[in-house]
N, C-alpha and C. Protein backbone atom coordinates (compact mmCIF):
# COMPACT_ATOMS: atom_id res chain seq x y z
N UNK A 1 36.60 -10.96 -2.90
CA UNK A 1 36.28 -9.55 -2.81
C UNK A 1 37.54 -8.72 -3.01
N UNK A 2 37.53 -7.86 -4.01
CA UNK A 2 38.71 -7.07 -4.31
C UNK A 2 38.85 -5.89 -3.38
N UNK A 3 39.94 -5.15 -3.49
CA UNK A 3 40.14 -3.98 -2.65
C UNK A 3 39.10 -2.91 -2.96
N UNK A 4 38.78 -2.09 -1.97
CA UNK A 4 37.77 -1.06 -2.15
C UNK A 4 38.29 0.11 -2.98
N UNK A 5 39.57 0.33 -2.97
CA UNK A 5 40.11 1.52 -3.62
C UNK A 5 39.96 2.73 -2.71
N UNK A 6 40.27 3.89 -3.26
CA UNK A 6 40.22 5.10 -2.45
C UNK A 6 38.79 5.62 -2.36
N UNK A 7 38.28 5.69 -1.13
CA UNK A 7 36.92 6.18 -0.90
C UNK A 7 36.97 7.70 -0.77
N UNK A 8 36.20 8.39 -1.60
CA UNK A 8 36.22 9.84 -1.62
C UNK A 8 35.00 10.47 -0.96
N UNK A 9 33.96 9.67 -0.68
CA UNK A 9 32.75 10.20 -0.05
C UNK A 9 31.96 9.05 0.54
N UNK A 10 31.11 9.37 1.53
CA UNK A 10 30.24 8.37 2.14
C UNK A 10 28.80 8.84 2.02
N UNK A 11 27.96 8.00 1.44
CA UNK A 11 26.54 8.26 1.29
C UNK A 11 25.79 7.38 2.27
N UNK A 12 24.95 7.99 3.09
CA UNK A 12 24.22 7.27 4.13
C UNK A 12 22.73 7.17 3.81
N UNK A 13 22.16 6.02 4.11
CA UNK A 13 20.72 5.92 4.30
C UNK A 13 20.40 6.61 5.63
N UNK A 14 19.12 6.86 5.90
CA UNK A 14 18.76 7.58 7.13
C UNK A 14 18.17 6.65 8.19
N UNK A 15 16.94 6.20 7.98
CA UNK A 15 16.27 5.34 8.97
C UNK A 15 16.94 3.97 9.03
N UNK A 16 17.32 3.56 10.23
CA UNK A 16 17.97 2.27 10.38
C UNK A 16 19.47 2.30 10.13
N UNK A 17 19.99 3.46 9.73
CA UNK A 17 21.42 3.59 9.47
C UNK A 17 22.02 4.71 10.32
N UNK A 18 21.56 5.93 10.11
CA UNK A 18 21.98 7.04 10.98
C UNK A 18 21.06 7.18 12.19
N UNK A 19 19.76 7.01 11.98
CA UNK A 19 18.78 7.27 13.03
C UNK A 19 17.96 6.03 13.37
N UNK A 20 17.76 5.81 14.65
CA UNK A 20 16.83 4.77 15.12
C UNK A 20 15.47 5.42 15.26
N UNK A 21 14.66 5.29 14.23
CA UNK A 21 13.37 5.98 14.15
C UNK A 21 12.19 5.03 14.26
N UNK A 22 12.44 3.77 14.59
CA UNK A 22 11.40 2.75 14.51
C UNK A 22 10.20 3.05 15.40
N UNK A 23 10.45 3.43 16.64
CA UNK A 23 9.34 3.65 17.58
C UNK A 23 8.41 4.76 17.10
N UNK A 24 8.96 5.87 16.60
CA UNK A 24 8.11 6.97 16.14
C UNK A 24 7.34 6.58 14.88
N UNK A 25 7.96 5.83 13.98
CA UNK A 25 7.26 5.38 12.79
C UNK A 25 6.13 4.42 13.16
N UNK A 26 6.44 3.48 14.05
CA UNK A 26 5.43 2.49 14.45
C UNK A 26 4.27 3.13 15.20
N UNK A 27 4.56 4.01 16.13
CA UNK A 27 3.47 4.63 16.90
C UNK A 27 2.61 5.52 16.02
N UNK A 28 3.21 6.16 15.03
CA UNK A 28 2.44 7.01 14.11
C UNK A 28 1.49 6.17 13.27
N UNK A 29 2.00 5.10 12.69
CA UNK A 29 1.14 4.26 11.85
C UNK A 29 0.09 3.54 12.67
N UNK A 30 0.46 3.08 13.85
CA UNK A 30 -0.53 2.42 14.70
C UNK A 30 -1.65 3.38 15.11
N UNK A 31 -1.32 4.65 15.29
CA UNK A 31 -2.36 5.63 15.61
C UNK A 31 -3.34 5.78 14.44
N UNK A 32 -2.81 5.74 13.21
CA UNK A 32 -3.68 5.81 12.03
C UNK A 32 -4.59 4.59 11.97
N UNK A 33 -4.02 3.41 12.20
CA UNK A 33 -4.81 2.18 12.16
C UNK A 33 -5.86 2.15 13.27
N UNK A 34 -5.46 2.53 14.46
CA UNK A 34 -6.37 2.51 15.60
C UNK A 34 -7.56 3.43 15.38
N UNK A 35 -7.30 4.57 14.78
CA UNK A 35 -8.37 5.54 14.55
C UNK A 35 -9.42 4.99 13.58
N UNK A 36 -9.01 4.08 12.72
CA UNK A 36 -9.93 3.49 11.75
C UNK A 36 -10.45 2.13 12.19
N UNK A 37 -10.14 1.73 13.42
CA UNK A 37 -10.61 0.46 13.92
C UNK A 37 -9.93 -0.74 13.29
N UNK A 38 -8.71 -0.55 12.77
CA UNK A 38 -7.96 -1.63 12.14
C UNK A 38 -6.91 -2.17 13.10
N UNK A 39 -6.51 -3.42 12.93
CA UNK A 39 -5.53 -4.01 13.86
C UNK A 39 -4.17 -3.31 13.76
N UNK A 40 -3.54 -3.15 14.92
CA UNK A 40 -2.22 -2.53 14.96
C UNK A 40 -1.15 -3.62 14.98
N UNK A 41 0.11 -3.20 14.92
CA UNK A 41 1.22 -4.14 14.83
C UNK A 41 2.23 -3.87 15.95
N UNK A 42 2.93 -4.92 16.42
CA UNK A 42 4.02 -4.68 17.37
C UNK A 42 5.12 -3.89 16.70
N UNK A 43 5.90 -3.18 17.49
CA UNK A 43 6.95 -2.31 16.95
C UNK A 43 7.91 -3.06 16.03
N UNK A 44 8.32 -4.26 16.42
CA UNK A 44 9.30 -5.00 15.62
C UNK A 44 8.78 -5.33 14.22
N UNK A 45 7.46 -5.44 14.06
CA UNK A 45 6.91 -5.75 12.74
C UNK A 45 7.24 -4.66 11.74
N UNK A 46 7.42 -3.44 12.23
CA UNK A 46 7.69 -2.32 11.33
C UNK A 46 9.09 -2.37 10.74
N UNK A 47 9.94 -3.24 11.26
CA UNK A 47 11.29 -3.35 10.68
C UNK A 47 11.24 -3.80 9.23
N UNK A 48 10.24 -4.60 8.88
CA UNK A 48 10.13 -5.05 7.49
C UNK A 48 9.17 -4.18 6.69
N UNK A 49 8.44 -3.28 7.36
CA UNK A 49 7.56 -2.34 6.65
C UNK A 49 8.33 -1.12 6.17
N UNK A 50 9.38 -0.76 6.92
CA UNK A 50 10.13 0.47 6.66
C UNK A 50 11.22 0.21 5.63
N UNK A 51 11.52 1.21 4.81
CA UNK A 51 12.67 1.11 3.92
C UNK A 51 12.35 1.35 2.46
N UNK A 52 11.07 1.23 2.10
CA UNK A 52 10.70 1.41 0.70
C UNK A 52 9.76 2.60 0.50
N UNK A 53 9.76 3.52 1.45
CA UNK A 53 8.94 4.71 1.31
C UNK A 53 7.68 4.64 2.14
N UNK A 54 7.06 5.80 2.36
CA UNK A 54 5.90 5.87 3.24
C UNK A 54 4.68 5.14 2.66
N UNK A 55 4.48 5.22 1.36
CA UNK A 55 3.34 4.53 0.77
C UNK A 55 3.44 3.02 0.97
N UNK A 56 4.64 2.49 0.81
CA UNK A 56 4.83 1.06 1.01
C UNK A 56 4.64 0.69 2.47
N UNK A 57 5.12 1.52 3.39
CA UNK A 57 4.92 1.27 4.82
C UNK A 57 3.43 1.16 5.13
N UNK A 58 2.65 2.12 4.63
CA UNK A 58 1.20 2.13 4.88
C UNK A 58 0.56 0.90 4.27
N UNK A 59 0.95 0.56 3.06
CA UNK A 59 0.38 -0.61 2.39
C UNK A 59 0.64 -1.87 3.19
N UNK A 60 1.86 -2.03 3.68
CA UNK A 60 2.21 -3.22 4.46
C UNK A 60 1.44 -3.27 5.78
N UNK A 61 1.19 -2.12 6.38
CA UNK A 61 0.52 -2.07 7.68
C UNK A 61 -0.98 -2.33 7.57
N UNK A 62 -1.58 -2.03 6.43
CA UNK A 62 -3.02 -2.26 6.26
C UNK A 62 -3.31 -3.75 6.11
N UNK A 63 -4.44 -4.23 6.63
CA UNK A 63 -4.82 -5.63 6.41
C UNK A 63 -4.93 -5.92 4.92
N UNK A 64 -4.62 -7.15 4.54
CA UNK A 64 -4.59 -7.49 3.12
C UNK A 64 -5.92 -7.20 2.42
N UNK A 65 -7.01 -7.38 3.11
CA UNK A 65 -8.31 -7.14 2.49
C UNK A 65 -8.75 -5.69 2.52
N UNK A 66 -7.88 -4.80 3.00
CA UNK A 66 -8.26 -3.38 3.14
C UNK A 66 -7.24 -2.48 2.48
N UNK A 67 -6.82 -2.85 1.28
CA UNK A 67 -5.77 -2.09 0.61
C UNK A 67 -6.26 -1.45 -0.68
N UNK A 68 -7.50 -0.96 -0.66
CA UNK A 68 -8.02 -0.29 -1.85
C UNK A 68 -7.22 0.99 -2.08
N UNK A 69 -7.22 1.45 -3.33
CA UNK A 69 -6.46 2.65 -3.66
C UNK A 69 -6.94 3.85 -2.86
N UNK A 70 -8.26 3.94 -2.65
CA UNK A 70 -8.80 5.09 -1.92
C UNK A 70 -8.39 5.06 -0.45
N UNK A 71 -8.49 3.89 0.18
CA UNK A 71 -8.09 3.81 1.59
C UNK A 71 -6.60 4.01 1.74
N UNK A 72 -5.83 3.45 0.83
CA UNK A 72 -4.38 3.63 0.89
C UNK A 72 -4.02 5.11 0.82
N UNK A 73 -4.64 5.83 -0.11
CA UNK A 73 -4.37 7.26 -0.24
C UNK A 73 -4.73 8.03 1.02
N UNK A 74 -5.88 7.70 1.60
CA UNK A 74 -6.32 8.38 2.83
C UNK A 74 -5.36 8.09 3.98
N UNK A 75 -4.92 6.86 4.09
CA UNK A 75 -4.04 6.49 5.20
C UNK A 75 -2.63 7.07 5.02
N UNK A 76 -2.17 7.19 3.78
CA UNK A 76 -0.88 7.86 3.54
C UNK A 76 -0.98 9.31 3.99
N UNK A 77 -2.06 9.97 3.65
CA UNK A 77 -2.26 11.36 4.09
C UNK A 77 -2.30 11.44 5.61
N UNK A 78 -3.03 10.52 6.24
CA UNK A 78 -3.13 10.52 7.71
C UNK A 78 -1.78 10.22 8.34
N UNK A 79 -1.01 9.32 7.72
CA UNK A 79 0.30 8.97 8.26
C UNK A 79 1.23 10.18 8.19
N UNK A 80 1.20 10.91 7.10
CA UNK A 80 2.03 12.12 7.01
C UNK A 80 1.68 13.09 8.13
N UNK A 81 0.40 13.27 8.38
CA UNK A 81 -0.03 14.19 9.43
C UNK A 81 0.37 13.69 10.81
N UNK A 82 0.16 12.40 11.05
CA UNK A 82 0.48 11.83 12.36
C UNK A 82 1.99 11.85 12.60
N UNK A 83 2.75 11.48 11.58
CA UNK A 83 4.21 11.45 11.73
C UNK A 83 4.77 12.85 11.93
N UNK A 84 4.14 13.83 11.31
CA UNK A 84 4.58 15.22 11.49
C UNK A 84 4.48 15.65 12.95
N UNK A 85 3.58 15.02 13.70
CA UNK A 85 3.42 15.35 15.12
C UNK A 85 4.35 14.55 16.02
N UNK A 86 4.87 13.41 15.53
CA UNK A 86 5.56 12.47 16.40
C UNK A 86 7.01 12.19 16.04
N UNK A 87 7.48 12.63 14.87
CA UNK A 87 8.71 12.09 14.30
C UNK A 87 9.94 12.25 15.17
N UNK A 88 9.94 13.24 16.09
CA UNK A 88 11.14 13.48 16.89
C UNK A 88 10.96 13.13 18.36
N UNK A 89 9.92 12.37 18.70
CA UNK A 89 9.70 12.05 20.12
C UNK A 89 10.78 11.13 20.67
N UNK A 90 11.13 10.09 19.95
CA UNK A 90 12.14 9.15 20.45
C UNK A 90 13.27 8.91 19.45
N UNK A 91 13.14 9.38 18.24
CA UNK A 91 14.16 9.15 17.21
C UNK A 91 15.47 9.82 17.58
N UNK A 92 16.55 9.06 17.53
CA UNK A 92 17.87 9.57 17.89
C UNK A 92 18.93 8.87 17.03
N UNK A 93 20.12 9.47 16.92
CA UNK A 93 21.21 8.77 16.23
C UNK A 93 21.57 7.48 16.97
N UNK A 94 21.96 6.46 16.22
CA UNK A 94 22.43 5.23 16.83
C UNK A 94 23.73 5.48 17.59
N UNK A 95 24.00 4.72 18.65
CA UNK A 95 25.30 4.82 19.32
C UNK A 95 26.43 4.62 18.32
N UNK A 96 27.42 5.47 18.39
CA UNK A 96 28.55 5.38 17.48
C UNK A 96 28.43 6.27 16.26
N UNK A 97 27.22 6.65 15.89
CA UNK A 97 27.05 7.51 14.71
C UNK A 97 27.67 8.90 14.93
N UNK A 98 27.43 9.57 16.06
CA UNK A 98 28.09 10.87 16.25
C UNK A 98 29.61 10.78 16.16
N UNK A 99 30.18 9.73 16.75
CA UNK A 99 31.64 9.57 16.70
C UNK A 99 32.11 9.32 15.27
N UNK A 100 31.35 8.54 14.51
CA UNK A 100 31.71 8.29 13.12
C UNK A 100 31.67 9.59 12.31
N UNK A 101 30.61 10.36 12.47
CA UNK A 101 30.49 11.61 11.71
C UNK A 101 31.58 12.60 12.11
N UNK A 102 31.92 12.63 13.40
CA UNK A 102 33.04 13.48 13.83
C UNK A 102 34.33 13.07 13.14
N UNK A 103 34.58 11.76 13.09
CA UNK A 103 35.82 11.26 12.50
C UNK A 103 35.87 11.53 11.00
N UNK A 104 34.75 11.39 10.33
CA UNK A 104 34.72 11.67 8.89
C UNK A 104 34.94 13.17 8.63
N UNK A 105 34.36 14.00 9.50
CA UNK A 105 34.59 15.44 9.36
C UNK A 105 36.05 15.80 9.58
N UNK A 106 36.68 15.16 10.57
CA UNK A 106 38.08 15.44 10.86
C UNK A 106 38.97 15.03 9.69
N UNK A 107 38.53 14.05 8.93
CA UNK A 107 39.30 13.59 7.76
C UNK A 107 38.87 14.29 6.48
N UNK A 108 37.94 15.23 6.59
CA UNK A 108 37.42 15.98 5.43
C UNK A 108 36.81 15.07 4.37
N UNK A 109 36.15 14.00 4.84
CA UNK A 109 35.45 13.11 3.91
C UNK A 109 34.03 13.65 3.69
N UNK A 110 33.64 13.97 2.46
CA UNK A 110 32.29 14.46 2.22
C UNK A 110 31.24 13.42 2.59
N UNK A 111 30.13 13.87 3.17
CA UNK A 111 29.06 12.97 3.57
C UNK A 111 27.73 13.48 3.01
N UNK A 112 26.81 12.55 2.76
CA UNK A 112 25.51 12.91 2.21
C UNK A 112 24.48 11.89 2.68
N UNK A 113 23.20 12.23 2.52
CA UNK A 113 22.10 11.36 2.94
C UNK A 113 21.15 11.16 1.77
N UNK A 114 20.74 9.91 1.55
CA UNK A 114 19.70 9.58 0.57
C UNK A 114 18.72 8.63 1.24
N UNK A 115 17.46 9.07 1.38
CA UNK A 115 16.46 8.30 2.10
C UNK A 115 15.22 8.08 1.24
N UNK A 116 14.49 6.99 1.53
CA UNK A 116 13.17 6.79 0.93
C UNK A 116 12.07 7.46 1.74
N UNK A 117 12.43 8.06 2.85
CA UNK A 117 11.49 8.88 3.61
C UNK A 117 11.14 10.11 2.76
N UNK A 118 9.91 10.61 2.81
CA UNK A 118 9.60 11.82 2.05
C UNK A 118 10.61 12.93 2.31
N UNK A 119 10.89 13.69 1.26
CA UNK A 119 11.97 14.67 1.31
C UNK A 119 11.84 15.64 2.48
N UNK A 120 10.63 16.15 2.73
CA UNK A 120 10.48 17.15 3.80
C UNK A 120 10.82 16.56 5.16
N UNK A 121 10.44 15.30 5.40
CA UNK A 121 10.78 14.66 6.66
C UNK A 121 12.27 14.34 6.74
N UNK A 122 12.85 13.92 5.62
CA UNK A 122 14.29 13.64 5.59
C UNK A 122 15.09 14.86 6.00
N UNK A 123 14.76 16.00 5.40
CA UNK A 123 15.48 17.23 5.70
C UNK A 123 15.26 17.68 7.14
N UNK A 124 14.04 17.52 7.64
CA UNK A 124 13.74 17.90 9.03
C UNK A 124 14.52 17.04 10.01
N UNK A 125 14.56 15.73 9.75
CA UNK A 125 15.28 14.81 10.64
C UNK A 125 16.76 15.16 10.71
N UNK A 126 17.37 15.40 9.56
CA UNK A 126 18.79 15.71 9.53
C UNK A 126 19.07 17.05 10.21
N UNK A 127 18.24 18.05 9.91
CA UNK A 127 18.46 19.38 10.49
C UNK A 127 18.29 19.39 12.00
N UNK A 128 17.31 18.64 12.51
CA UNK A 128 17.03 18.66 13.94
C UNK A 128 17.90 17.70 14.74
N UNK A 129 18.15 16.53 14.19
CA UNK A 129 18.79 15.48 14.97
C UNK A 129 20.27 15.28 14.64
N UNK A 130 20.73 15.85 13.53
CA UNK A 130 22.14 15.74 13.15
C UNK A 130 22.67 17.13 12.80
N UNK A 131 22.48 18.11 13.68
CA UNK A 131 22.79 19.50 13.32
C UNK A 131 24.28 19.84 13.34
N UNK A 132 25.10 19.02 13.98
CA UNK A 132 26.52 19.36 14.14
C UNK A 132 27.34 19.11 12.90
N UNK A 133 26.79 18.36 11.95
CA UNK A 133 27.60 17.90 10.84
C UNK A 133 27.11 18.51 9.53
N UNK A 134 28.06 18.78 8.65
CA UNK A 134 27.76 19.43 7.37
C UNK A 134 27.63 18.37 6.28
N UNK A 135 26.40 18.04 5.94
CA UNK A 135 26.13 17.11 4.86
C UNK A 135 26.12 17.87 3.55
N UNK A 136 26.86 17.35 2.58
CA UNK A 136 26.96 18.04 1.28
C UNK A 136 25.65 17.95 0.50
N UNK A 137 24.85 16.95 0.78
CA UNK A 137 23.56 16.80 0.12
C UNK A 137 22.66 15.98 1.03
N UNK A 138 21.37 16.32 1.07
CA UNK A 138 20.36 15.58 1.83
C UNK A 138 19.14 15.45 0.92
N UNK A 139 18.85 14.23 0.50
CA UNK A 139 17.73 14.00 -0.41
C UNK A 139 16.81 12.93 0.14
N UNK A 140 15.50 13.22 0.08
CA UNK A 140 14.48 12.22 0.37
C UNK A 140 13.64 11.99 -0.87
N UNK A 141 12.73 11.03 -0.76
CA UNK A 141 11.90 10.69 -1.91
C UNK A 141 10.93 11.82 -2.24
N UNK A 142 10.71 12.03 -3.52
CA UNK A 142 9.79 13.07 -3.97
C UNK A 142 9.65 13.04 -5.48
N UNK A 143 9.04 14.06 -6.03
CA UNK A 143 8.80 14.09 -7.47
C UNK A 143 10.10 14.05 -8.26
N UNK A 144 11.14 14.68 -7.74
CA UNK A 144 12.41 14.75 -8.46
C UNK A 144 13.36 13.61 -8.10
N UNK A 145 13.05 12.90 -7.02
CA UNK A 145 13.96 11.83 -6.56
C UNK A 145 13.16 10.54 -6.37
N UNK A 146 13.25 9.60 -7.32
CA UNK A 146 12.54 8.33 -7.16
C UNK A 146 13.11 7.52 -6.01
N UNK A 147 12.29 6.67 -5.47
CA UNK A 147 12.71 5.86 -4.33
C UNK A 147 13.75 4.83 -4.72
N UNK A 148 14.68 4.59 -3.81
CA UNK A 148 15.61 3.48 -3.97
C UNK A 148 14.80 2.18 -4.07
N UNK A 149 15.20 1.20 -4.85
CA UNK A 149 16.54 0.99 -5.41
C UNK A 149 16.86 1.73 -6.71
N UNK A 150 15.96 2.60 -7.18
CA UNK A 150 16.32 3.43 -8.32
C UNK A 150 17.59 4.20 -7.96
N UNK A 151 18.60 4.18 -8.81
CA UNK A 151 19.88 4.82 -8.46
C UNK A 151 19.92 6.33 -8.73
N UNK A 152 18.83 6.91 -9.22
CA UNK A 152 18.88 8.31 -9.67
C UNK A 152 19.33 9.26 -8.56
N UNK A 153 18.81 9.08 -7.36
CA UNK A 153 19.20 9.96 -6.25
C UNK A 153 20.68 9.84 -5.94
N UNK A 154 21.19 8.61 -5.93
CA UNK A 154 22.61 8.40 -5.65
C UNK A 154 23.48 9.02 -6.74
N UNK A 155 23.05 8.89 -7.98
CA UNK A 155 23.80 9.47 -9.10
C UNK A 155 23.81 11.00 -8.99
N UNK A 156 22.67 11.57 -8.63
CA UNK A 156 22.57 13.02 -8.45
C UNK A 156 23.54 13.51 -7.37
N UNK A 157 23.59 12.79 -6.27
CA UNK A 157 24.47 13.18 -5.16
C UNK A 157 25.93 13.08 -5.57
N UNK A 158 26.31 12.03 -6.27
CA UNK A 158 27.70 11.89 -6.72
C UNK A 158 28.08 13.06 -7.62
N UNK A 159 27.15 13.48 -8.47
CA UNK A 159 27.43 14.62 -9.35
C UNK A 159 27.62 15.89 -8.55
N UNK A 160 26.80 16.08 -7.52
CA UNK A 160 26.93 17.27 -6.68
C UNK A 160 28.27 17.28 -5.95
N UNK A 161 28.69 16.10 -5.51
CA UNK A 161 29.96 15.99 -4.79
C UNK A 161 31.16 16.07 -5.72
N UNK A 162 30.94 15.82 -7.00
CA UNK A 162 32.04 15.84 -7.95
C UNK A 162 32.99 14.68 -7.79
N UNK A 163 32.46 13.51 -7.41
CA UNK A 163 33.30 12.32 -7.22
C UNK A 163 32.80 11.22 -8.14
N UNK A 164 33.69 10.30 -8.49
CA UNK A 164 33.29 9.17 -9.32
C UNK A 164 32.46 8.20 -8.50
N UNK A 165 31.52 7.54 -9.14
CA UNK A 165 30.59 6.65 -8.43
C UNK A 165 31.32 5.55 -7.67
N UNK A 166 32.36 4.99 -8.31
CA UNK A 166 33.05 3.86 -7.68
C UNK A 166 33.86 4.27 -6.46
N UNK A 167 33.98 5.57 -6.21
CA UNK A 167 34.70 6.06 -5.03
C UNK A 167 33.75 6.44 -3.90
N UNK A 168 32.45 6.13 -4.06
CA UNK A 168 31.46 6.45 -3.03
C UNK A 168 31.09 5.19 -2.26
N UNK A 169 31.24 5.21 -0.95
CA UNK A 169 30.78 4.12 -0.09
C UNK A 169 29.34 4.44 0.30
N UNK A 170 28.44 3.53 -0.01
CA UNK A 170 27.02 3.72 0.26
C UNK A 170 26.65 2.80 1.42
N UNK A 171 26.35 3.37 2.58
CA UNK A 171 26.04 2.60 3.79
C UNK A 171 24.54 2.62 4.06
N UNK A 172 23.94 1.45 4.12
CA UNK A 172 22.52 1.35 4.43
C UNK A 172 22.20 0.05 5.13
N UNK A 173 21.00 -0.01 5.70
CA UNK A 173 20.63 -1.19 6.48
C UNK A 173 19.67 -2.12 5.75
N UNK A 174 19.28 -1.78 4.51
CA UNK A 174 18.29 -2.60 3.84
C UNK A 174 18.67 -2.98 2.43
N UNK A 175 17.98 -3.97 1.86
CA UNK A 175 18.25 -4.40 0.49
C UNK A 175 18.09 -3.27 -0.53
N UNK A 176 17.15 -2.35 -0.31
CA UNK A 176 16.98 -1.27 -1.28
C UNK A 176 18.23 -0.39 -1.36
N UNK A 177 18.92 -0.22 -0.24
CA UNK A 177 20.16 0.57 -0.24
C UNK A 177 21.25 -0.15 -1.02
N UNK A 178 21.37 -1.44 -0.77
CA UNK A 178 22.39 -2.23 -1.46
C UNK A 178 22.14 -2.23 -2.96
N UNK A 179 20.89 -2.45 -3.36
CA UNK A 179 20.56 -2.51 -4.78
C UNK A 179 20.76 -1.16 -5.46
N UNK A 180 20.44 -0.08 -4.74
CA UNK A 180 20.66 1.26 -5.30
C UNK A 180 22.15 1.52 -5.48
N UNK A 181 22.95 1.12 -4.50
CA UNK A 181 24.40 1.30 -4.59
C UNK A 181 24.97 0.53 -5.77
N UNK A 182 24.55 -0.70 -5.93
CA UNK A 182 25.04 -1.52 -7.04
C UNK A 182 24.63 -0.91 -8.39
N UNK A 183 23.39 -0.46 -8.46
CA UNK A 183 22.90 0.13 -9.72
C UNK A 183 23.64 1.42 -10.06
N UNK A 184 24.09 2.13 -9.03
CA UNK A 184 24.81 3.39 -9.24
C UNK A 184 26.31 3.18 -9.41
N UNK A 185 26.77 1.95 -9.27
CA UNK A 185 28.20 1.68 -9.38
C UNK A 185 28.99 2.08 -8.16
N UNK A 186 28.32 2.14 -7.00
CA UNK A 186 28.97 2.53 -5.75
C UNK A 186 29.30 1.29 -4.92
N UNK A 187 29.98 1.49 -3.80
CA UNK A 187 30.39 0.39 -2.93
C UNK A 187 29.28 0.12 -1.93
N UNK A 188 28.56 -1.01 -2.01
CA UNK A 188 27.44 -1.30 -1.11
C UNK A 188 27.90 -1.92 0.20
N UNK A 189 27.65 -1.21 1.30
CA UNK A 189 28.04 -1.69 2.62
C UNK A 189 26.80 -1.74 3.52
N UNK A 190 26.64 -2.85 4.23
CA UNK A 190 25.45 -3.04 5.06
C UNK A 190 25.68 -2.69 6.51
N UNK A 191 24.68 -2.05 7.12
CA UNK A 191 24.70 -1.69 8.54
C UNK A 191 23.87 -2.70 9.32
N UNK A 192 24.53 -3.52 10.13
CA UNK A 192 23.84 -4.59 10.84
C UNK A 192 23.13 -4.12 12.10
N UNK A 193 23.28 -2.86 12.47
CA UNK A 193 22.57 -2.35 13.66
C UNK A 193 21.18 -1.84 13.29
N UNK A 194 20.80 -1.91 12.03
CA UNK A 194 19.54 -1.33 11.58
C UNK A 194 18.36 -2.28 11.65
N UNK A 195 17.44 -2.13 10.68
CA UNK A 195 16.15 -2.81 10.75
C UNK A 195 16.12 -4.17 10.07
N UNK A 196 17.02 -4.41 9.10
CA UNK A 196 16.92 -5.63 8.32
C UNK A 196 18.04 -6.60 8.66
N UNK A 197 17.90 -7.84 8.19
CA UNK A 197 18.78 -8.91 8.64
C UNK A 197 20.05 -9.01 7.80
N UNK A 198 21.03 -9.68 8.38
CA UNK A 198 22.28 -9.95 7.67
C UNK A 198 22.02 -10.76 6.41
N UNK A 199 21.11 -11.74 6.50
CA UNK A 199 20.81 -12.58 5.34
C UNK A 199 20.26 -11.75 4.19
N UNK A 200 19.39 -10.80 4.49
CA UNK A 200 18.81 -9.95 3.44
C UNK A 200 19.88 -9.08 2.79
N UNK A 201 20.76 -8.53 3.60
CA UNK A 201 21.81 -7.67 3.06
C UNK A 201 22.78 -8.48 2.19
N UNK A 202 23.12 -9.67 2.63
CA UNK A 202 24.02 -10.51 1.83
C UNK A 202 23.35 -10.91 0.52
N UNK A 203 22.07 -11.29 0.60
CA UNK A 203 21.36 -11.73 -0.60
C UNK A 203 21.25 -10.61 -1.62
N UNK A 204 21.14 -9.37 -1.15
CA UNK A 204 21.03 -8.23 -2.05
C UNK A 204 22.35 -7.90 -2.72
N UNK A 205 23.46 -8.34 -2.10
CA UNK A 205 24.77 -8.12 -2.71
C UNK A 205 25.68 -7.18 -1.96
N UNK A 206 25.44 -6.99 -0.65
CA UNK A 206 26.32 -6.13 0.14
C UNK A 206 27.76 -6.63 0.05
N UNK A 207 28.66 -5.72 -0.22
CA UNK A 207 30.07 -6.11 -0.38
C UNK A 207 30.73 -6.33 0.97
N UNK A 208 30.35 -5.55 1.96
CA UNK A 208 30.85 -5.67 3.32
C UNK A 208 29.71 -5.43 4.28
N UNK A 209 29.83 -5.98 5.49
CA UNK A 209 28.84 -5.77 6.54
C UNK A 209 29.54 -5.23 7.78
N UNK A 210 28.94 -4.22 8.40
CA UNK A 210 29.52 -3.60 9.60
C UNK A 210 28.62 -3.88 10.80
N UNK A 211 29.24 -4.23 11.93
CA UNK A 211 28.50 -4.44 13.17
C UNK A 211 28.38 -3.17 13.99
N UNK A 212 29.29 -2.23 13.77
CA UNK A 212 29.30 -0.97 14.54
C UNK A 212 29.72 0.15 13.60
N UNK A 213 29.14 1.35 13.76
CA UNK A 213 29.47 2.45 12.85
C UNK A 213 30.96 2.73 12.70
N UNK A 214 31.71 2.66 13.80
CA UNK A 214 33.12 3.04 13.72
C UNK A 214 33.96 2.07 12.88
N UNK A 215 33.42 0.88 12.61
CA UNK A 215 34.15 -0.05 11.73
C UNK A 215 34.33 0.52 10.33
N UNK A 216 33.49 1.47 9.95
CA UNK A 216 33.62 2.08 8.63
C UNK A 216 34.97 2.77 8.45
N UNK A 217 35.52 3.30 9.53
CA UNK A 217 36.77 4.06 9.43
C UNK A 217 37.92 3.20 8.92
N UNK A 218 37.88 1.91 9.19
CA UNK A 218 38.95 1.03 8.74
C UNK A 218 38.92 0.82 7.23
N UNK A 219 37.81 1.23 6.59
CA UNK A 219 37.69 1.05 5.13
C UNK A 219 38.24 2.25 4.36
N UNK A 220 38.52 3.33 5.05
CA UNK A 220 38.97 4.54 4.37
C UNK A 220 40.45 4.45 4.01
């Protein structure tokens, strides 16, 4: 593994990286399933459902024999409504994240967020739960921003920041983050405090793995 070079910006995933949102996501989807008389899932099961967008989460949560296009569409709509009521009940920054963001701000390192969460929820989460910090860009999935691992969102953010792709450290907890970083020519770093496993992050091609947010500072 070669040297990282000079890092000019840090791009963060949201769920599982900056915010521990698992309980609110799980309770929202389970409420949708329960209302339709479908089996619910334990909270930990949602660790592998989350990360590829809300439609994929709903698809994974539905029983295999109940994934028709019509039901999927209805449940995605219901999930959006349910999550809109619950998204901030227990979701909070991970321990160490506030200290990391403070330290990056003190060093004048630009920061940004790219999530597969729908754009409106991504912006709401950052505005409500991370209000102390100035993110140069906050993008969620939508018509203009395809879901990771498509690198388009990451490329857009690098352009907004005015930095070269290879000088951006992309921190995320899932394979989609790593693959998006690689496709964008950024530095893929895995967050081991999130939802996915070390083996998955390594297999996807993470260049480095962090056990605690503050370990990122040693890479600058």
